[in-house]
């Protein structure tokens, strides 16, 4: 498959995604229409959510969708489990307005990566709108049988911290797991190779496998990072400062398409004492969206969060 330069749309607005000016090239007009559809789908679900109906999210999600948020110690896999998770929230979440901060959509064939920061707004006693929650948001949509569906969702608080305590179930493999093959094996090789350098204080491995238009969230970013230059500026602050002994990729999950792939895994970065006992262990959620380019598979979006990450003024 030949590589298509991604089309990225930035939209600024309060409460609703507003359409951008019409693009001149005929080919791009169709791209813009696609992006408008995705933004409208997202906002339709958010409007229902803020009025106490969370089930619209399931209606626009694929059967094999993967979902993670700060309240979960493991991802939800599949629409049936997602419905079960959201059912108890019916009629319990209400607020007055939505604020989307710099939402953008990047298209890679039949895959669309929607990213934005999100604030819920509620009126105070004086009737003034106040921000009551602060979110990083990643939504990966896929065109399935002519309809755009969410295949992956990752929510985390902006600049969140670890909880005081945490319990995470870790799968124990009694016998060796089957080896990854094909695209999944190639992507995992890229990811583990970059992580091996990262744990020794060298973040450049991830820069080398990221696309020029890469976008990025993690636990410390104040807003979405846009482009390789911004990511390099952030990573330069961390050169030589990150060191740990053991990296554990917990149950990596792949959603592989001909033009793109989504990798989700939970990760433990573990530091050992001289006697081999555990000194510290940090638990992570990681979403990586890869796209097929002329130079091979490249990361086009990254979202790191702490498992059960917390923020004091989350408003939840």
C-alpha atoms as a PDB file:
ATOM      1  CA  UNK A   1       0.000   0.000   0.000  1.00  0.00           C
ATOM      2  CA  UNK A   2       1.324   3.432  -0.880  1.00  0.00           C
ATOM      3  CA  UNK A   3       1.676   6.051   1.845  1.00  0.00           C
ATOM      4  CA  UNK A   4      -0.771   8.921   1.890  1.00  0.00           C
ATOM      5  CA  UNK A   5       0.212  12.137   3.620  1.00  0.00           C
ATOM      6  CA  UNK A   6      -2.156  12.452   6.592  1.00  0.00           C
ATOM      7  CA  UNK A   7      -4.762  15.189   6.510  1.00  0.00           C
ATOM      8  CA  UNK A   8      -5.043  16.934   9.858  1.00  0.00           C
ATOM      9  CA  UNK A   9      -7.832  19.296  10.836  1.00  0.00           C
ATOM     10  CA  UNK A  10      -7.660  21.649  13.803  1.00  0.00           C
ATOM     11  CA  UNK A  11     -10.911  23.042  15.171  1.00  0.00           C
ATOM     12  CA  UNK A  12     -11.323  25.457  18.046  1.00  0.00           C
ATOM     13  CA  UNK A  13     -14.594  25.822  19.853  1.00  0.00           C
ATOM     14  CA  UNK A  14     -16.670  25.789  22.981  1.00  0.00           C
ATOM     15  CA  UNK A  15     -19.396  23.192  23.425  1.00  0.00           C
ATOM     16  CA  UNK A  16     -19.536  22.204  19.752  1.00  0.00           C
ATOM     17  CA  UNK A  17     -17.044  21.276  17.055  1.00  0.00           C
ATOM     18  CA  UNK A  18     -17.355  24.080  14.508  1.00  0.00           C
ATOM     19  CA  UNK A  19     -16.710  23.432  10.800  1.00  0.00           C
ATOM     20  CA  UNK A  20     -13.496  24.735   9.300  1.00  0.00           C
ATOM     21  CA  UNK A  21     -13.420  26.852   6.134  1.00  0.00           C
ATOM     22  CA  UNK A  22     -13.904  24.883   2.922  1.00  0.00           C
ATOM     23  CA  UNK A  23     -10.722  23.481   1.431  1.00  0.00           C
ATOM     24  CA  UNK A  24      -9.951  24.199  -2.185  1.00  0.00           C
ATOM     25  CA  UNK A  25      -8.638  20.901  -3.483  1.00  0.00           C
ATOM     26  CA  UNK A  26     -11.472  18.534  -4.516  1.00  0.00           C
ATOM     27  CA  UNK A  27      -9.719  15.547  -2.944  1.00  0.00           C
ATOM     28  CA  UNK A  28      -9.468  17.317   0.396  1.00  0.00           C
ATOM     29  CA  UNK A  29     -13.129  18.344   0.446  1.00  0.00           C
ATOM     30  CA  UNK A  30     -14.048  14.698   0.943  1.00  0.00           C
ATOM     31  CA  UNK A  31     -11.445  14.402   3.691  1.00  0.00           C
ATOM     32  CA  UNK A  32     -12.916  17.437   5.452  1.00  0.00           C
ATOM     33  CA  UNK A  33     -16.416  15.956   5.214  1.00  0.00           C
ATOM     34  CA  UNK A  34     -15.114  12.762   6.825  1.00  0.00           C
ATOM     35  CA  UNK A  35     -13.544  14.708   9.654  1.00  0.00           C
ATOM     36  CA  UNK A  36     -16.727  16.686  10.199  1.00  0.00           C
ATOM     37  CA  UNK A  37     -18.650  13.413  10.481  1.00  0.00           C
ATOM     38  CA  UNK A  38     -16.280  12.116  13.142  1.00  0.00           C
ATOM     39  CA  UNK A  39     -16.396  15.327  15.154  1.00  0.00           C
ATOM     40  CA  UNK A  40     -20.187  15.359  15.023  1.00  0.00           C
ATOM     41  CA  UNK A  41     -20.333  11.734  16.140  1.00  0.00           C
ATOM     42  CA  UNK A  42     -18.081  12.493  19.089  1.00  0.00           C
ATOM     43  CA  UNK A  43     -20.070  15.535  20.127  1.00  0.00           C
ATOM     44  CA  UNK A  44     -23.402  13.703  19.786  1.00  0.00           C
ATOM     45  CA  UNK A  45     -22.205  11.119  22.294  1.00  0.00           C
ATOM     46  CA  UNK A  46     -20.767  13.771  24.601  1.00  0.00           C
ATOM     47  CA  UNK A  47     -24.026  15.727  24.604  1.00  0.00           C
ATOM     48  CA  UNK A  48     -25.927  12.608  25.640  1.00  0.00           C
ATOM     49  CA  UNK A  49     -23.268  11.818  28.255  1.00  0.00           C
ATOM     50  CA  UNK A  50     -23.520  15.203  29.965  1.00  0.00           C
ATOM     51  CA  UNK A  51     -27.310  14.837  30.110  1.00  0.00           C
ATOM     52  CA  UNK A  52     -27.140  11.505  31.932  1.00  0.00           C
ATOM     53  CA  UNK A  53     -27.181   9.051  29.029  1.00  0.00           C
ATOM     54  CA  UNK A  54     -23.824   7.282  28.544  1.00  0.00           C
ATOM     55  CA  UNK A  55     -25.106   4.655  26.109  1.00  0.00           C
ATOM     56  CA  UNK A  56     -24.611   6.722  22.964  1.00  0.00           C
ATOM     57  CA  UNK A  57     -20.905   5.897  23.300  1.00  0.00           C
ATOM     58  CA  UNK A  58     -21.679   2.219  22.811  1.00  0.00           C
ATOM     59  CA  UNK A  59     -23.804   2.953  19.757  1.00  0.00           C
ATOM     60  CA  UNK A  60     -20.855   4.508  17.941  1.00  0.00           C
ATOM     61  CA  UNK A  61     -18.306   1.914  19.110  1.00  0.00           C
ATOM     62  CA  UNK A  62     -17.179  -1.190  17.229  1.00  0.00           C
ATOM     63  CA  UNK A  63     -17.857  -4.666  18.572  1.00  0.00           C
ATOM     64  CA  UNK A  64     -14.161  -5.153  19.425  1.00  0.00           C
ATOM     65  CA  UNK A  65     -13.575  -1.680  20.873  1.00  0.00           C
ATOM     66  CA  UNK A  66     -11.011  -1.228  23.653  1.00  0.00           C
ATOM     67  CA  UNK A  67     -11.669   1.335  26.389  1.00  0.00           C
ATOM     68  CA  UNK A  68      -9.592   2.658  29.282  1.00  0.00           C
ATOM     69  CA  UNK A  69     -10.157   5.456  31.816  1.00  0.00           C
ATOM     70  CA  UNK A  70      -8.742   6.331  35.275  1.00  0.00           C
ATOM     71  CA  UNK A  71     -11.381   4.297  37.079  1.00  0.00           C
ATOM     72  CA  UNK A  72     -10.206   1.047  35.519  1.00  0.00           C
ATOM     73  CA  UNK A  73      -7.285  -1.139  36.534  1.00  0.00           C
ATOM     74  CA  UNK A  74      -7.549  -3.057  33.254  1.00  0.00           C
ATOM     75  CA  UNK A  75      -8.967  -2.178  29.831  1.00  0.00           C
ATOM     76  CA  UNK A  76     -12.521  -3.007  28.824  1.00  0.00           C
ATOM     77  CA  UNK A  77     -12.469  -5.157  25.709  1.00  0.00           C
ATOM     78  CA  UNK A  78     -15.522  -5.472  23.481  1.00  0.00           C
ATOM     79  CA  UNK A  79     -18.851  -3.697  23.234  1.00  0.00           C
ATOM     80  CA  UNK A  80     -20.695  -6.147  25.507  1.00  0.00           C
ATOM     81  CA  UNK A  81     -18.311  -5.409  28.402  1.00  0.00           C
ATOM     82  CA  UNK A  82     -18.457  -1.693  27.580  1.00  0.00           C
ATOM     83  CA  UNK A  83     -22.258  -1.693  27.825  1.00  0.00           C
ATOM     84  CA  UNK A  84     -22.050  -3.467  31.162  1.00  0.00           C
ATOM     85  CA  UNK A  85     -19.566  -0.853  32.414  1.00  0.00           C
ATOM     86  CA  UNK A  86     -21.689   2.129  31.380  1.00  0.00           C
ATOM     87  CA  UNK A  87     -25.133   0.852  32.427  1.00  0.00           C
ATOM     88  CA  UNK A  88     -24.716   1.824  36.128  1.00  0.00           C
ATOM     89  CA  UNK A  89     -23.878   5.402  35.080  1.00  0.00           C
ATOM     90  CA  UNK A  90     -27.278   6.072  33.537  1.00  0.00           C
ATOM     91  CA  UNK A  91     -28.860   9.156  35.083  1.00  0.00           C
ATOM     92  CA  UNK A  92     -25.857   9.944  37.292  1.00  0.00           C
ATOM     93  CA  UNK A  93     -23.702  12.374  35.300  1.00  0.00           C
ATOM     94  CA  UNK A  94     -24.973  15.875  34.574  1.00  0.00           C
ATOM     95  CA  UNK A  95     -23.220  19.130  33.741  1.00  0.00           C
ATOM     96  CA  UNK A  96     -24.006  22.223  31.712  1.00  0.00           C
ATOM     97  CA  UNK A  97     -21.567  22.473  28.851  1.00  0.00           C
ATOM     98  CA  UNK A  98     -18.559  20.976  27.078  1.00  0.00           C
ATOM     99  CA  UNK A  99     -15.282  22.615  26.187  1.00  0.00           C
ATOM    100  CA  UNK A 100     -13.054  20.966  23.585  1.00  0.00           C
ATOM    101  CA  UNK A 101      -9.526  22.356  23.517  1.00  0.00           C
ATOM    102  CA  UNK A 102      -7.826  22.203  20.108  1.00  0.00           C
ATOM    103  CA  UNK A 103      -9.523  19.045  18.823  1.00  0.00           C
ATOM    104  CA  UNK A 104      -7.907  17.608  15.729  1.00  0.00           C
ATOM    105  CA  UNK A 105      -8.403  14.632  13.456  1.00  0.00           C
ATOM    106  CA  UNK A 106      -5.637  12.879  11.519  1.00  0.00           C
ATOM    107  CA  UNK A 107      -6.706  10.520   8.743  1.00  0.00           C
ATOM    108  CA  UNK A 108      -4.759   7.441   7.720  1.00  0.00           C
ATOM    109  CA  UNK A 109      -6.785   5.645   5.086  1.00  0.00           C
ATOM    110  CA  UNK A 110      -9.834   4.234   6.868  1.00  0.00           C
ATOM    111  CA  UNK A 111      -8.503   5.127  10.318  1.00  0.00           C
ATOM    112  CA  UNK A 112      -9.071   8.485  12.005  1.00  0.00           C
ATOM    113  CA  UNK A 113      -7.261   9.590  15.165  1.00  0.00           C
ATOM    114  CA  UNK A 114      -9.192  12.204  17.140  1.00  0.00           C
ATOM    115  CA  UNK A 115      -7.363  13.955  19.984  1.00  0.00           C
ATOM    116  CA  UNK A 116      -8.324  16.810  22.261  1.00  0.00           C
ATOM    117  CA  UNK A 117      -8.266  18.138  25.799  1.00  0.00           C
ATOM    118  CA  UNK A 118     -11.701  18.276  27.377  1.00  0.00           C
ATOM    119  CA  UNK A 119     -13.310  20.257  30.198  1.00  0.00           C
ATOM    120  CA  UNK A 120     -16.779  19.735  31.586  1.00  0.00           C
ATOM    121  CA  UNK A 121     -18.368  23.002  32.709  1.00  0.00           C
ATOM    122  CA  UNK A 122     -20.947  23.473  35.453  1.00  0.00           C
ATOM    123  CA  UNK A 123     -22.627  26.617  36.739  1.00  0.00           C
ATOM    124  CA  UNK A 124     -21.683  27.828  40.196  1.00  0.00           C
ATOM    125  CA  UNK A 125     -24.058  29.497  42.655  1.00  0.00           C
ATOM    126  CA  UNK A 126     -23.755  32.764  40.708  1.00  0.00           C
ATOM    127  CA  UNK A 127     -24.645  31.077  37.436  1.00  0.00           C
ATOM    128  CA  UNK A 128     -21.113  31.345  36.079  1.00  0.00           C
ATOM    129  CA  UNK A 129     -19.657  28.413  34.159  1.00  0.00           C
ATOM    130  CA  UNK A 130     -16.665  26.785  35.863  1.00  0.00           C
ATOM    131  CA  UNK A 131     -14.395  24.040  34.606  1.00  0.00           C
ATOM    132  CA  UNK A 132     -14.991  20.935  36.712  1.00  0.00           C
ATOM    133  CA  UNK A 133     -12.893  18.272  35.002  1.00  0.00           C
ATOM    134  CA  UNK A 134      -9.666  18.210  33.004  1.00  0.00           C
ATOM    135  CA  UNK A 135      -9.034  15.445  30.474  1.00  0.00           C
ATOM    136  CA  UNK A 136      -6.673  14.117  27.832  1.00  0.00           C
ATOM    137  CA  UNK A 137      -8.683  12.299  25.186  1.00  0.00           C
ATOM    138  CA  UNK A 138      -7.719   9.823  22.474  1.00  0.00           C
ATOM    139  CA  UNK A 139     -10.353   8.340  20.171  1.00  0.00           C
ATOM    140  CA  UNK A 140      -9.436   6.059  17.275  1.00  0.00           C
ATOM    141  CA  UNK A 141     -12.199   5.677  14.707  1.00  0.00           C
ATOM    142  CA  UNK A 142     -12.332   3.117  11.909  1.00  0.00           C
ATOM    143  CA  UNK A 143     -14.548   3.057   8.818  1.00  0.00           C
ATOM    144  CA  UNK A 144     -16.436  -0.234   9.124  1.00  0.00           C
ATOM    145  CA  UNK A 145     -19.029  -1.199   6.506  1.00  0.00           C
ATOM    146  CA  UNK A 146     -19.492   2.432   5.568  1.00  0.00           C
ATOM    147  CA  UNK A 147     -19.831   3.785   9.134  1.00  0.00           C
ATOM    148  CA  UNK A 148     -17.257   5.393  11.389  1.00  0.00           C
ATOM    149  CA  UNK A 149     -16.949   3.486  14.666  1.00  0.00           C
ATOM    150  CA  UNK A 150     -14.718   3.958  17.707  1.00  0.00           C
ATOM    151  CA  UNK A 151     -12.248   1.087  18.022  1.00  0.00           C
ATOM    152  CA  UNK A 152     -10.156   2.539  20.838  1.00  0.00           C
ATOM    153  CA  UNK A 153     -10.716   5.083  23.615  1.00  0.00           C
ATOM    154  CA  UNK A 154      -8.176   6.331  26.161  1.00  0.00           C
ATOM    155  CA  UNK A 155      -9.162   8.935  28.766  1.00  0.00           C
ATOM    156  CA  UNK A 156      -6.803  10.311  31.421  1.00  0.00           C
ATOM    157  CA  UNK A 157      -6.651  13.418  33.595  1.00  0.00           C
ATOM    158  CA  UNK A 158      -4.403  16.278  32.541  1.00  0.00           C
ATOM    159  CA  UNK A 159      -1.236  16.228  34.693  1.00  0.00           C
ATOM    160  CA  UNK A 160      -2.376  13.453  36.985  1.00  0.00           C
ATOM    161  CA  UNK A 161      -0.534  11.511  39.683  1.00  0.00           C
ATOM    162  CA  UNK A 162      -0.353   7.981  41.007  1.00  0.00           C
ATOM    163  CA  UNK A 163      -2.919   6.764  43.547  1.00  0.00           C
ATOM    164  CA  UNK A 164      -1.773   6.016  47.082  1.00  0.00           C
ATOM    165  CA  UNK A 165      -2.334   2.304  46.501  1.00  0.00           C
ATOM    166  CA  UNK A 166      -3.249   0.135  43.553  1.00  0.00           C
ATOM    167  CA  UNK A 167      -4.117  -3.469  42.783  1.00  0.00           C
ATOM    168  CA  UNK A 168      -3.572  -4.729  39.259  1.00  0.00           C
ATOM    169  CA  UNK A 169      -4.186  -8.264  38.057  1.00  0.00           C
ATOM    170  CA  UNK A 170      -1.212  -9.654  36.166  1.00  0.00           C
ATOM    171  CA  UNK A 171      -1.691 -12.635  33.836  1.00  0.00           C
ATOM    172  CA  UNK A 172       0.513 -15.598  34.702  1.00  0.00           C
ATOM    173  CA  UNK A 173       1.496 -17.705  31.706  1.00  0.00           C
ATOM    174  CA  UNK A 174       1.832 -21.334  32.710  1.00  0.00           C
ATOM    175  CA  UNK A 175       3.166 -22.158  29.260  1.00  0.00           C
ATOM    176  CA  UNK A 176       4.893 -19.967  26.740  1.00  0.00           C
ATOM    177  CA  UNK A 177       2.527 -17.665  24.879  1.00  0.00           C
ATOM    178  CA  UNK A 178       2.278 -17.856  21.107  1.00  0.00           C
ATOM    179  CA  UNK A 179       4.704 -15.574  19.333  1.00  0.00           C
ATOM    180  CA  UNK A 180       3.431 -12.497  17.544  1.00  0.00           C
ATOM    181  CA  UNK A 181       3.542 -12.568  13.773  1.00  0.00           C
ATOM    182  CA  UNK A 182       3.434 -10.189  10.853  1.00  0.00           C
ATOM    183  CA  UNK A 183       2.624  -6.536  11.497  1.00  0.00           C
ATOM    184  CA  UNK A 184       2.056  -7.089  15.223  1.00  0.00           C
ATOM    185  CA  UNK A 185       5.515  -8.630  15.583  1.00  0.00           C
ATOM    186  CA  UNK A 186       7.122  -5.758  13.675  1.00  0.00           C
ATOM    187  CA  UNK A 187       5.400  -3.102  15.770  1.00  0.00           C
ATOM    188  CA  UNK A 188       6.243  -4.863  19.030  1.00  0.00           C
ATOM    189  CA  UNK A 189       9.879  -5.061  17.928  1.00  0.00           C
ATOM    190  CA  UNK A 190       9.903  -1.309  17.329  1.00  0.00           C
ATOM    191  CA  UNK A 191       8.184  -0.583  20.643  1.00  0.00           C
ATOM    192  CA  UNK A 192      10.393  -2.806  22.800  1.00  0.00           C
ATOM    193  CA  UNK A 193      13.551  -1.593  21.069  1.00  0.00           C
ATOM    194  CA  UNK A 194      12.687   2.028  21.799  1.00  0.00           C
ATOM    195  CA  UNK A 195      11.695   1.172  25.376  1.00  0.00           C
ATOM    196  CA  UNK A 196      14.993  -0.587  26.008  1.00  0.00           C
ATOM    197  CA  UNK A 197      16.782   2.653  25.175  1.00  0.00           C
ATOM    198  CA  UNK A 198      14.257   4.729  27.158  1.00  0.00           C
ATOM    199  CA  UNK A 199      14.852   2.769  30.377  1.00  0.00           C
ATOM    200  CA  UNK A 200      18.561   3.587  30.101  1.00  0.00           C
ATOM    201  CA  UNK A 201      17.945   7.321  29.854  1.00  0.00           C
ATOM    202  CA  UNK A 202      17.808   7.634  26.060  1.00  0.00           C
ATOM    203  CA  UNK A 203      14.395   8.749  24.702  1.00  0.00           C
ATOM    204  CA  UNK A 204      15.644   9.180  21.126  1.00  0.00           C
ATOM    205  CA  UNK A 205      14.564   5.658  20.209  1.00  0.00           C
ATOM    206  CA  UNK A 206      10.934   6.757  20.326  1.00  0.00           C
ATOM    207  CA  UNK A 207      11.720   9.889  18.329  1.00  0.00           C
ATOM    208  CA  UNK A 208      13.271   7.750  15.599  1.00  0.00           C
ATOM    209  CA  UNK A 209      10.102   5.668  15.172  1.00  0.00           C
ATOM    210  CA  UNK A 210       7.672   8.613  15.361  1.00  0.00           C
ATOM    211  CA  UNK A 211       6.165  10.352  12.329  1.00  0.00           C
ATOM    212  CA  UNK A 212       6.768  14.086  11.755  1.00  0.00           C
ATOM    213  CA  UNK A 213       3.119  14.824  12.639  1.00  0.00           C
ATOM    214  CA  UNK A 214       3.088  12.709  15.821  1.00  0.00           C
ATOM    215  CA  UNK A 215       0.820  13.831  18.667  1.00  0.00           C
ATOM    216  CA  UNK A 216       1.437  13.002  22.315  1.00  0.00           C
ATOM    217  CA  UNK A 217      -0.114  12.924  25.790  1.00  0.00           C
ATOM    218  CA  UNK A 218       1.471  11.764  29.024  1.00  0.00           C
ATOM    219  CA  UNK A 219       1.074  12.278  32.770  1.00  0.00           C
ATOM    220  CA  UNK A 220       2.974  15.574  32.823  1.00  0.00           C
ATOM    221  CA  UNK A 221       1.926  17.303  29.607  1.00  0.00           C
ATOM    222  CA  UNK A 222      -0.292  20.359  30.062  1.00  0.00           C
ATOM    223  CA  UNK A 223      -1.760  19.982  26.566  1.00  0.00           C
ATOM    224  CA  UNK A 224      -1.440  17.847  23.470  1.00  0.00           C
ATOM    225  CA  UNK A 225       2.040  17.961  21.959  1.00  0.00           C
ATOM    226  CA  UNK A 226       1.920  18.425  18.193  1.00  0.00           C
ATOM    227  CA  UNK A 227       4.708  17.300  15.928  1.00  0.00           C
ATOM    228  CA  UNK A 228       8.146  15.789  16.293  1.00  0.00           C
ATOM    229  CA  UNK A 229       9.769  19.106  17.207  1.00  0.00           C
ATOM    230  CA  UNK A 230       7.507  19.592  20.240  1.00  0.00           C
ATOM    231  CA  UNK A 231       8.004  15.976  21.296  1.00  0.00           C
ATOM    232  CA  UNK A 232      11.791  16.277  20.996  1.00  0.00           C
ATOM    233  CA  UNK A 233      11.733  19.443  23.102  1.00  0.00           C
ATOM    234  CA  UNK A 234       9.837  17.555  25.812  1.00  0.00           C
ATOM    235  CA  UNK A 235      12.054  14.472  25.599  1.00  0.00           C
ATOM    236  CA  UNK A 236      15.259  16.535  25.719  1.00  0.00           C
ATOM    237  CA  UNK A 237      14.310  17.406  29.315  1.00  0.00           C
ATOM    238  CA  UNK A 238      14.381  13.709  30.184  1.00  0.00           C
ATOM    239  CA  UNK A 239      17.680  12.651  28.626  1.00  0.00           C
ATOM    240  CA  UNK A 240      19.721  10.789  31.227  1.00  0.00           C
ATOM    241  CA  UNK A 241      17.062  11.153  33.925  1.00  0.00           C
ATOM    242  CA  UNK A 242      15.006   7.975  33.471  1.00  0.00           C
ATOM    243  CA  UNK A 243      16.509   4.694  34.600  1.00  0.00           C
ATOM    244  CA  UNK A 244      14.920   1.425  35.663  1.00  0.00           C
ATOM    245  CA  UNK A 245      15.921  -2.217  35.588  1.00  0.00           C
ATOM    246  CA  UNK A 246      12.948  -4.236  34.365  1.00  0.00           C
ATOM    247  CA  UNK A 247      10.319  -3.452  31.733  1.00  0.00           C
ATOM    248  CA  UNK A 248       7.144  -5.509  31.713  1.00  0.00           C
ATOM    249  CA  UNK A 249       4.664  -5.307  28.840  1.00  0.00           C
ATOM    250  CA  UNK A 250       1.394  -6.637  30.270  1.00  0.00           C
ATOM    251  CA  UNK A 251      -0.985  -8.270  27.818  1.00  0.00           C
ATOM    252  CA  UNK A 252      -0.323  -6.152  24.709  1.00  0.00           C
ATOM    253  CA  UNK A 253      -3.364  -5.936  22.432  1.00  0.00           C
ATOM    254  CA  UNK A 254      -3.250  -5.178  18.723  1.00  0.00           C
ATOM    255  CA  UNK A 255      -5.896  -3.865  16.358  1.00  0.00           C
ATOM    256  CA  UNK A 256      -4.187  -4.218  12.995  1.00  0.00           C
ATOM    257  CA  UNK A 257      -5.458  -2.775   9.720  1.00  0.00           C
ATOM    258  CA  UNK A 258      -3.861  -2.479   6.293  1.00  0.00           C
ATOM    259  CA  UNK A 259      -2.965   1.200   6.754  1.00  0.00           C
ATOM    260  CA  UNK A 260      -2.615   1.526  10.527  1.00  0.00           C
ATOM    261  CA  UNK A 261      -2.508  -0.321  13.834  1.00  0.00           C
ATOM    262  CA  UNK A 262      -3.404   0.406  17.444  1.00  0.00           C
ATOM    263  CA  UNK A 263      -1.263  -1.088  20.193  1.00  0.00           C
ATOM    264  CA  UNK A 264      -2.455  -0.968  23.793  1.00  0.00           C
ATOM    265  CA  UNK A 265      -0.592  -2.424  26.727  1.00  0.00           C
ATOM    266  CA  UNK A 266      -0.160  -1.946  30.433  1.00  0.00           C
ATOM    267  CA  UNK A 267       3.413  -1.485  31.520  1.00  0.00           C
ATOM    268  CA  UNK A 268       5.439  -1.754  34.713  1.00  0.00           C
ATOM    269  CA  UNK A 269       8.720   0.112  34.955  1.00  0.00           C
ATOM    270  CA  UNK A 270      10.512  -1.592  37.840  1.00  0.00           C
ATOM    271  CA  UNK A 271      13.633  -0.571  39.752  1.00  0.00           C
ATOM    272  CA  UNK A 272      15.482  -3.175  41.814  1.00  0.00           C
ATOM    273  CA  UNK A 273      17.518  -2.981  44.973  1.00  0.00           C
ATOM    274  CA  UNK A 274      21.096  -4.348  44.870  1.00  0.00           C
ATOM    275  CA  UNK A 275      19.839  -7.632  46.361  1.00  0.00           C
ATOM    276  CA  UNK A 276      17.297  -8.079  43.569  1.00  0.00           C
ATOM    277  CA  UNK A 277      14.199  -7.119  45.563  1.00  0.00           C
ATOM    278  CA  UNK A 278      11.805  -4.556  44.132  1.00  0.00           C
ATOM    279  CA  UNK A 279      12.571  -0.955  45.081  1.00  0.00           C
ATOM    280  CA  UNK A 280       9.768   0.692  43.078  1.00  0.00           C
ATOM    281  CA  UNK A 281       7.281  -0.204  40.389  1.00  0.00           C
ATOM    282  CA  UNK A 282       5.306   2.307  38.313  1.00  0.00           C
ATOM    283  CA  UNK A 283       2.099   1.116  36.583  1.00  0.00           C
ATOM    284  CA  UNK A 284       1.155   2.566  33.194  1.00  0.00           C
ATOM    285  CA  UNK A 285      -1.459   2.458  30.451  1.00  0.00           C
ATOM    286  CA  UNK A 286      -0.085   3.006  26.969  1.00  0.00           C
ATOM    287  CA  UNK A 287      -1.828   3.585  23.645  1.00  0.00           C
ATOM    288  CA  UNK A 288       0.305   3.761  20.518  1.00  0.00           C
ATOM    289  CA  UNK A 289      -1.240   4.419  17.105  1.00  0.00           C
ATOM    290  CA  UNK A 290       1.031   3.403  14.226  1.00  0.00           C
ATOM    291  CA  UNK A 291       0.588   4.234  10.544  1.00  0.00           C
ATOM    292  CA  UNK A 292       2.163   2.648   7.501  1.00  0.00           C
ATOM    293  CA  UNK A 293       4.458   5.169   5.834  1.00  0.00           C
ATOM    294  CA  UNK A 294       7.019   5.158   3.042  1.00  0.00           C
ATOM    295  CA  UNK A 295       9.657   4.709   5.752  1.00  0.00           C
ATOM    296  CA  UNK A 296       7.894   1.822   7.476  1.00  0.00           C
ATOM    297  CA  UNK A 297       5.593   1.739  10.492  1.00  0.00           C
ATOM    298  CA  UNK A 298       5.699   4.972  12.483  1.00  0.00           C
ATOM    299  CA  UNK A 299       3.999   6.186  15.659  1.00  0.00           C
ATOM    300  CA  UNK A 300       1.456   8.903  14.845  1.00  0.00           C
ATOM    301  CA  UNK A 301      -0.056   9.201  18.318  1.00  0.00           C
ATOM    302  CA  UNK A 302       0.995   8.258  21.860  1.00  0.00           C
ATOM    303  CA  UNK A 303      -1.048   8.397  25.062  1.00  0.00           C
ATOM    304  CA  UNK A 304       0.577   7.418  28.359  1.00  0.00           C
ATOM    305  CA  UNK A 305      -1.280   7.508  31.682  1.00  0.00           C
ATOM    306  CA  UNK A 306      -0.903   6.024  35.142  1.00  0.00           C
ATOM    307  CA  UNK A 307      -3.198   3.125  35.909  1.00  0.00           C
ATOM    308  CA  UNK A 308      -5.907   4.628  38.173  1.00  0.00           C
ATOM    309  CA  UNK A 309      -4.223   8.017  37.811  1.00  0.00           C
ATOM    310  CA  UNK A 310      -5.763  10.769  39.951  1.00  0.00           C
ATOM    311  CA  UNK A 311      -6.132  14.531  39.937  1.00  0.00           C
ATOM    312  CA  UNK A 312      -7.336  16.429  43.005  1.00  0.00           C
ATOM    313  CA  UNK A 313      -9.606  18.833  41.089  1.00  0.00           C
ATOM    314  CA  UNK A 314     -10.906  16.305  38.565  1.00  0.00           C
ATOM    315  CA  UNK A 315     -14.478  17.204  39.428  1.00  0.00           C
ATOM    316  CA  UNK A 316     -15.592  13.591  39.180  1.00  0.00           C
END
